[in-house]
Amino acid sequence: MYRDSFIAPLDGKHELFGDAIGSLNRSEWFLIEFKRGTKDFSSERKKFVGMIDGAENPFLSELLLEVEEFRRSELPGTHEPHYFVYATGILEKSLALSARPYWGTWASGIDDLSDVRLSQDTRLRGCRRDLFNAYLRSLLLAKTAGVEQVSGGMLGAVIGVSPRDNRIVCMSVSDYATEVLKFLPEPSPPLPKAPSPSNNYSRPSGPSP
């Protein structure tokens, strides 16, 4: 998508996060989620408390209002910062990819926006880092109904792009949330206990010598 760009993946070290993110303070930030196709978009509903079962979740309502504000704004650096990236077929023996804004009719009737066919010359638009941080925080809180915790298994990538020199920072959602937003990582499930040896051992009975 970005020609002649420098990709800087971050490996979880605190000093690397600070240096890389600070260097792109005036850049555009966005979040991408990978799907096999458009039919898989609706699987996102189960990730939000209250979207399927109707349970009360004020964090989800606030998030959807933020999405509408992004779509009404025409100011630079305020584009809706969340996309699906998915396969649309085979093009010249390579997998053809497209992108679409994340929020659509699968979620509470928000209108779908048009697809963007991805190539080396395509640039997805994002928003300022302060707006992106606020959006990602709202997104994660809507999924947990207010618990500041993030799962290490979230499939997505946070991208920061500097339009001036095409530098890019790319990291996982869980890394960004824990290092930048200071969310807690989801605790690992406890390991199963090993069976303890029985103290009631008895010699097998047999014929007397």
Protein backbone atom coordinates (compact mmCIF):
# COMPACT_ATOMS: atom_id res chain seq x y z
CA MET A 1 0.00 0.00 0.00
CA TYR A 2 2.85 2.36 0.74
CA ARG A 3 5.66 2.56 -1.80
CA ASP A 4 9.24 3.15 -0.59
CA SER A 5 8.13 3.10 3.03
CA PHE A 6 10.04 2.10 6.11
CA ILE A 7 8.17 -0.43 8.24
CA ALA A 8 9.04 -0.32 11.93
CA PRO A 9 7.47 -3.25 13.79
CA LEU A 10 7.70 -2.91 17.55
CA ASP A 11 8.67 -5.87 19.71
CA GLY A 12 7.25 -4.84 23.09
CA LYS A 13 10.26 -2.96 24.47
CA HIS A 14 9.15 0.25 26.18
CA GLU A 15 11.92 2.45 24.75
CA LEU A 16 11.10 1.36 21.18
CA PHE A 17 7.43 2.25 21.63
CA GLY A 18 8.25 5.71 22.90
CA ASP A 19 10.79 6.50 20.19
CA ALA A 20 8.72 5.20 17.29
CA ILE A 21 5.39 6.70 18.35
CA GLY A 22 6.94 10.03 19.32
CA SER A 23 8.61 10.33 15.94
CA LEU A 24 5.19 10.12 14.26
CA ASN A 25 3.35 12.52 16.53
CA ARG A 26 2.03 14.57 13.55
CA SER A 27 1.09 11.56 11.47
CA GLU A 28 -2.16 9.80 10.60
CA TRP A 29 -3.19 6.75 12.61
CA PHE A 30 -5.69 4.02 11.82
CA LEU A 31 -6.65 0.48 12.74
CA ILE A 32 -7.13 -2.38 10.29
CA GLU A 33 -8.91 -5.68 10.89
CA PHE A 34 -8.40 -8.64 8.55
CA LYS A 35 -11.30 -10.69 7.19
CA ARG A 36 -11.66 -13.38 4.53
CA GLY A 37 -14.57 -11.55 2.90
CA THR A 38 -17.56 -9.29 3.46
CA LYS A 39 -19.67 -12.17 4.78
CA ASP A 40 -17.41 -12.31 7.82
CA PHE A 41 -18.05 -8.71 8.90
CA SER A 42 -21.05 -9.66 11.05
CA SER A 43 -18.86 -11.87 13.24
CA GLU A 44 -17.73 -8.64 14.90
CA ARG A 45 -21.12 -8.32 16.60
CA LYS A 46 -20.27 -10.98 19.16
CA LYS A 47 -17.22 -8.98 20.28
CA PHE A 48 -19.32 -6.14 21.73
CA VAL A 49 -21.26 -6.46 24.96
CA GLY A 50 -24.93 -5.78 24.23
CA MET A 51 -24.83 -5.89 20.43
CA ILE A 52 -26.41 -9.35 20.22
CA ASP A 53 -28.12 -9.93 23.57
CA GLY A 54 -29.36 -6.37 24.03
CA ALA A 55 -27.62 -5.98 27.39
CA GLU A 56 -27.16 -2.38 28.52
CA ASN A 57 -23.79 -1.01 27.41
CA PRO A 58 -23.46 2.79 27.48
CA PHE A 59 -19.89 2.50 26.19
CA LEU A 60 -21.18 1.05 22.91
CA SER A 61 -23.68 3.90 22.50
CA GLU A 62 -20.92 6.48 23.06
CA LEU A 63 -18.66 4.73 20.54
CA LEU A 64 -21.31 4.80 17.80
CA LEU A 65 -21.78 8.53 18.40
CA GLU A 66 -18.03 9.03 17.92
CA VAL A 67 -18.21 7.18 14.60
CA GLU A 68 -20.98 9.51 13.41
CA GLU A 69 -18.88 12.54 14.43
CA PHE A 70 -15.96 11.26 12.35
CA ARG A 71 -18.24 10.92 9.32
CA ARG A 72 -19.64 14.43 9.71
CA SER A 73 -16.23 16.08 10.05
CA GLU A 74 -14.49 17.52 6.99
CA LEU A 75 -11.38 18.76 8.81
CA PRO A 76 -7.92 17.36 7.99
CA GLY A 77 -6.74 14.61 10.31
CA THR A 78 -10.25 13.61 11.37
CA HIS A 79 -11.00 10.72 9.01
CA GLU A 80 -12.72 7.64 10.40
CA PRO A 81 -9.67 5.57 11.52
CA HIS A 82 -10.89 1.97 11.29
CA TYR A 83 -10.97 -0.39 8.27
CA PHE A 84 -11.66 -3.94 7.24
CA VAL A 85 -9.08 -5.39 4.82
CA TYR A 86 -10.27 -8.48 2.96
CA ALA A 87 -9.77 -10.61 -0.15
CA THR A 88 -11.85 -9.91 -3.25
CA GLY A 89 -10.35 -12.43 -5.67
CA ILE A 90 -7.19 -13.11 -7.64
CA LEU A 91 -5.53 -10.38 -9.72
CA GLU A 92 -2.51 -11.20 -11.90
CA LYS A 93 -1.80 -14.39 -9.89
CA SER A 94 -1.85 -12.46 -6.62
CA LEU A 95 -4.52 -12.11 -3.97
CA ALA A 96 -6.57 -8.96 -4.62
CA LEU A 97 -7.32 -7.00 -1.47
CA SER A 98 -9.86 -4.29 -0.75
CA ALA A 99 -10.59 -2.10 2.26
CA ARG A 100 -13.84 -0.73 3.62
CA PRO A 101 -14.57 1.44 6.64
CA TYR A 102 -15.13 -0.87 9.60
CA TRP A 103 -18.52 0.46 10.68
CA GLY A 104 -21.40 -0.52 8.42
CA THR A 105 -24.82 -2.14 8.29
CA TRP A 106 -23.60 -5.15 10.30
CA ALA A 107 -23.57 -2.85 13.37
CA SER A 108 -26.80 -1.13 14.39
CA GLY A 109 -27.69 0.06 10.90
CA ILE A 110 -24.75 2.38 10.27
CA ASP A 111 -24.46 2.98 6.52
CA ASP A 112 -21.81 1.08 4.55
CA LEU A 113 -19.25 3.19 2.73
CA SER A 114 -17.61 2.23 -0.56
CA ASP A 115 -14.73 -0.20 -1.00
CA VAL A 116 -11.17 0.88 -1.76
CA ARG A 117 -9.14 -1.44 -4.01
CA LEU A 118 -5.69 -1.71 -2.43
CA SER A 119 -2.45 -1.39 -4.38
CA GLN A 120 1.04 -0.01 -3.82
CA ASP A 121 -0.27 3.48 -4.54
CA THR A 122 -3.25 3.32 -2.19
CA ARG A 123 -3.17 5.43 0.95
CA LEU A 124 -5.80 4.77 3.61
CA ARG A 125 -6.68 7.90 5.56
CA GLY A 126 -6.56 8.13 9.33
CA CYS A 127 -6.76 10.73 12.06
CA ARG A 128 -4.54 12.60 14.50
CA ARG A 129 -2.97 10.53 17.26
CA ASP A 130 -5.01 12.15 20.04
CA LEU A 131 -8.26 11.37 18.20
CA PHE A 132 -7.07 7.86 17.39
CA ASN A 133 -6.18 7.15 21.02
CA ALA A 134 -9.63 8.35 22.13
CA TYR A 135 -11.32 6.20 19.46
CA LEU A 136 -9.35 3.04 20.27
CA ARG A 137 -10.02 3.50 23.97
CA SER A 138 -13.76 3.83 23.30
CA LEU A 139 -13.67 0.78 21.01
CA LEU A 140 -12.02 -1.44 23.60
CA LEU A 141 -14.28 -0.24 26.41
CA ALA A 142 -17.34 -0.97 24.25
CA LYS A 143 -16.14 -4.55 23.84
CA THR A 144 -15.73 -5.09 27.59
CA ALA A 145 -18.49 -2.76 28.89
CA GLY A 146 -15.96 -0.58 30.67
CA VAL A 147 -13.17 -2.94 31.72
CA GLU A 148 -9.73 -1.50 30.80
CA GLN A 149 -8.38 -4.82 29.62
CA VAL A 150 -7.26 -6.05 26.21
CA SER A 151 -6.92 -9.57 24.84
CA GLY A 152 -3.59 -10.60 23.36
CA GLY A 153 -5.52 -12.51 20.70
CA MET A 154 -7.04 -9.47 18.98
CA LEU A 155 -6.44 -9.77 15.23
CA GLY A 156 -5.70 -6.31 13.96
CA ALA A 157 -2.91 -3.81 13.44
CA VAL A 158 -2.40 -0.22 14.51
CA ILE A 159 -0.73 1.82 11.75
CA GLY A 160 0.90 5.22 12.02
CA VAL A 161 1.95 6.93 8.78
CA SER A 162 4.00 10.09 8.33
CA PRO A 163 2.79 11.75 5.09
CA ARG A 164 5.96 13.86 4.80
CA ASP A 165 8.52 11.06 4.53
CA ASN A 166 6.37 7.90 4.27
CA ARG A 167 7.65 6.43 7.52
CA ILE A 168 5.37 3.82 9.04
CA VAL A 169 4.93 2.32 12.50
CA CYS A 170 2.98 -0.92 12.74
CA MET A 171 2.08 -2.79 15.93
CA SER A 172 -0.56 -5.10 17.35
CA VAL A 173 -3.67 -3.72 19.00
CA SER A 174 -2.83 -5.38 22.30
CA ASP A 175 0.71 -3.93 22.34
CA TYR A 176 -0.54 -0.42 21.56
CA ALA A 177 -3.33 -0.63 24.13
CA THR A 178 -1.07 -1.82 26.94
CA GLU A 179 1.89 0.45 26.18
CA VAL A 180 0.10 3.64 25.11
CA LEU A 181 -3.40 3.49 26.62
CA LYS A 182 -2.15 1.62 29.72
CA PHE A 183 -4.81 -1.08 29.50
CA LEU A 184 -4.15 -4.28 31.40
CA PRO A 185 -3.47 -7.46 29.41
CA GLU A 186 -6.14 -10.10 29.73
CA PRO A 187 -4.98 -12.67 32.32
CA SER A 188 -4.03 -16.07 31.00
CA PRO A 189 -6.34 -18.93 31.95
CA PRO A 190 -5.02 -21.00 34.85
CA LEU A 191 -3.12 -24.13 33.96
CA PRO A 192 -4.90 -27.39 34.79
CA LYS A 193 -3.74 -28.94 38.03
CA ALA A 194 -1.70 -32.10 37.76
CA PRO A 195 -3.44 -35.08 39.39
CA SER A 196 -2.06 -35.74 42.85
CA PRO A 197 -0.86 -39.27 43.68
CA SER A 198 -3.37 -41.29 45.67
CA ASN A 199 -2.52 -42.03 49.29
CA ASN A 200 -4.93 -44.96 49.37
CA TYR A 201 -2.73 -47.39 47.48
CA SER A 202 -3.36 -51.05 48.31
CA ARG A 203 -1.41 -54.10 47.21
CA PRO A 204 -3.19 -56.12 44.61
CA SER A 205 -4.62 -59.29 46.09
CA GLY A 206 -3.24 -62.59 44.91
CA PRO A 207 -2.67 -66.16 45.98
CA SER A 208 -0.65 -66.63 49.16
CA PRO A 209 2.77 -68.18 48.73
